Every structure is written in structure tokens, then in C-alpha cells.
Amino acid sequence: MEEIKNIANDIALDVMDTPVLETPLTPEESVAVKGLMEAGVFYGQNHSRTNPKMNQYILTSKGNVEIIDLAKTLKALVKAQNMIKEKMLAGEQIILVGTTPAGKELVKGLGDKLGVSSVTERWLGGTLTNFKTISDRVNYFKKLKADAASGALDKYTKKERVDFNREINKLNRFFSGIESLDKLPGLIIIFGLKGNETPALEAKKIGIKSIAFMNTGSNPDAVNLAIPGNDSNPKSLVALAAYIEKAILEAKQELAKKVIVSAPSN
């Protein structure tokens, strides 16, 4: 722990002096970078595990550990916010994806809080590339739940009802976060690319935009926008997720204003 603190102290001045958007950090950007640094977002992986394509995001190495340039992380976060707002204001849906231990509870909480689709259990192959089949399964799941709630399943035997409940619980794990997804999304946001490569590949295959937090061992070419950062530490992911949450909330507020303005007056 003491070694980690020493590394953080050693790089603090280097990080704060790095350029963002080809200009010195503004006071607001300095505060933002400091917050990311305190959350440990700058911790990369061991130098031997670095993907050469991530070198553009690396500030330096300390003790054979890559140190991520947080000014570039901040720049990517701002781009991500703009992309989210653009997609949402155009009426497109988004999916939050996080199936790793560090990200799944965070993503589920964000999805529930913000009212957006999320995947926090295993990504089912074909969720994007075979959307019709997945949609049919989601609709089946929703009907089963509705039948259980209305008492429509009471006519079956006890054993059959137990089987139905078991199936509902199983389907709930995979589909509860995407029940409202009635069309292909315009954007997926991946909370940690490592372990979530399949959704990135599917999105790329059919031309859906993708954003992903990723550490130095990942391939930034897998997504449209890479956000370099420590993607295996919950505290780091929380700090990064705050930017995503802010963008979604602002987009929802703008959409709500448009609805009010367009509403007919009495």
C-alpha cells in the first residue's frame, strides 16, 4: 500500500502538467483530473501486458506499471458525453454493459436509476447480431411474468408452476435489463472491455457505435471510442461512470424540455 501511495505521489505533478485538447489544463480540468487520479484511474497494467496500440494513452511507467495519461482519459470522457447526448437526442437507445465483478453491480444500479437498458450477466451471443431472436425470447419472458402476476398460470399443476417460476428466474438474469429495448440500440457503453469483448465485436459487425473503458492490455480498435483507465477497480469505475451518468441525465433533461415545448396549449 505504501508503494502505491509513493507511485501516486511521484506521478501527480506529471499528470497535472499533461496537455488536454492541445492546451494546458483549465482549473476545471485540473480538478477533474485530480478526481480521476484519487480514484486510481491512472493505474495501467504491467508493461509486459501492454497492447502496443495503447501506447498513445500511456504517460510513463513506474515500477514496471504503466501510468495512464489522465488528460487523455478526460478528453475521451468528454467525447463520450457528446456521443451519448447526440445519440439520445436523436431518439436512439443505449445499452450499458458490465459483466465483470468490478462493474456488474455498478452497471445494474445505473441502468435502474437512469431507466436505460443494461446487461450485467453473461452477454448472450446474438443480442445485437440476431436481435429478432433475442427479442422473441424477451417477449416470451415478459409474457410469462405477466401471466404469473395475473394468475393465468394457476390452472397448471404445482409442478408445472414450479417449472414456470424456475424459467422466469432464469430468464430474469439475462433479460431483465433489456425488457424495454424494442429496437437495436444506437450506442453501447462497455464498463471494462476485458471480459466484454463479444458485445464490442457484435456492435462493430453491424455498425453500432461503441464506447468502452479499457486498461492498457486491451485493443482500442475494438470500439469506436476507447476511454483509457483502470477498468478492474470498482472505485475507478465509479469515477468514470459519473461522466456517463451526467451525460445521460442531461440528455434526458433536454428531451423532457422538448416534450414540454411541443405540448399543445389549452
Foldseek 3Di string as FASTA:
>chain_A
DVVVVVVLVVCLVVLQQDDAPPHHDDPVRSVLLVLLSVLQFQWFAFQVLFDVQCPVQFSDDDPRITGGNSSVLVNLLVVVLVVLLVQVLVVFAEEEEAQDPLPLVVRVVLCVVLVGFYFHHDDDQCVQVVVVVVLVLLVVLVVLVVCVVVVVCVVDDPVVVVVSVVVNVVVCNGPVRCSVVPDHGQEYEYQECVVVLRVLQSCVVVVRAYEYEYHRNDDCVSGPGYNYTDRRHNSSSVSSVVSVSVSSVVSVVVVVVVCVVPDDDD
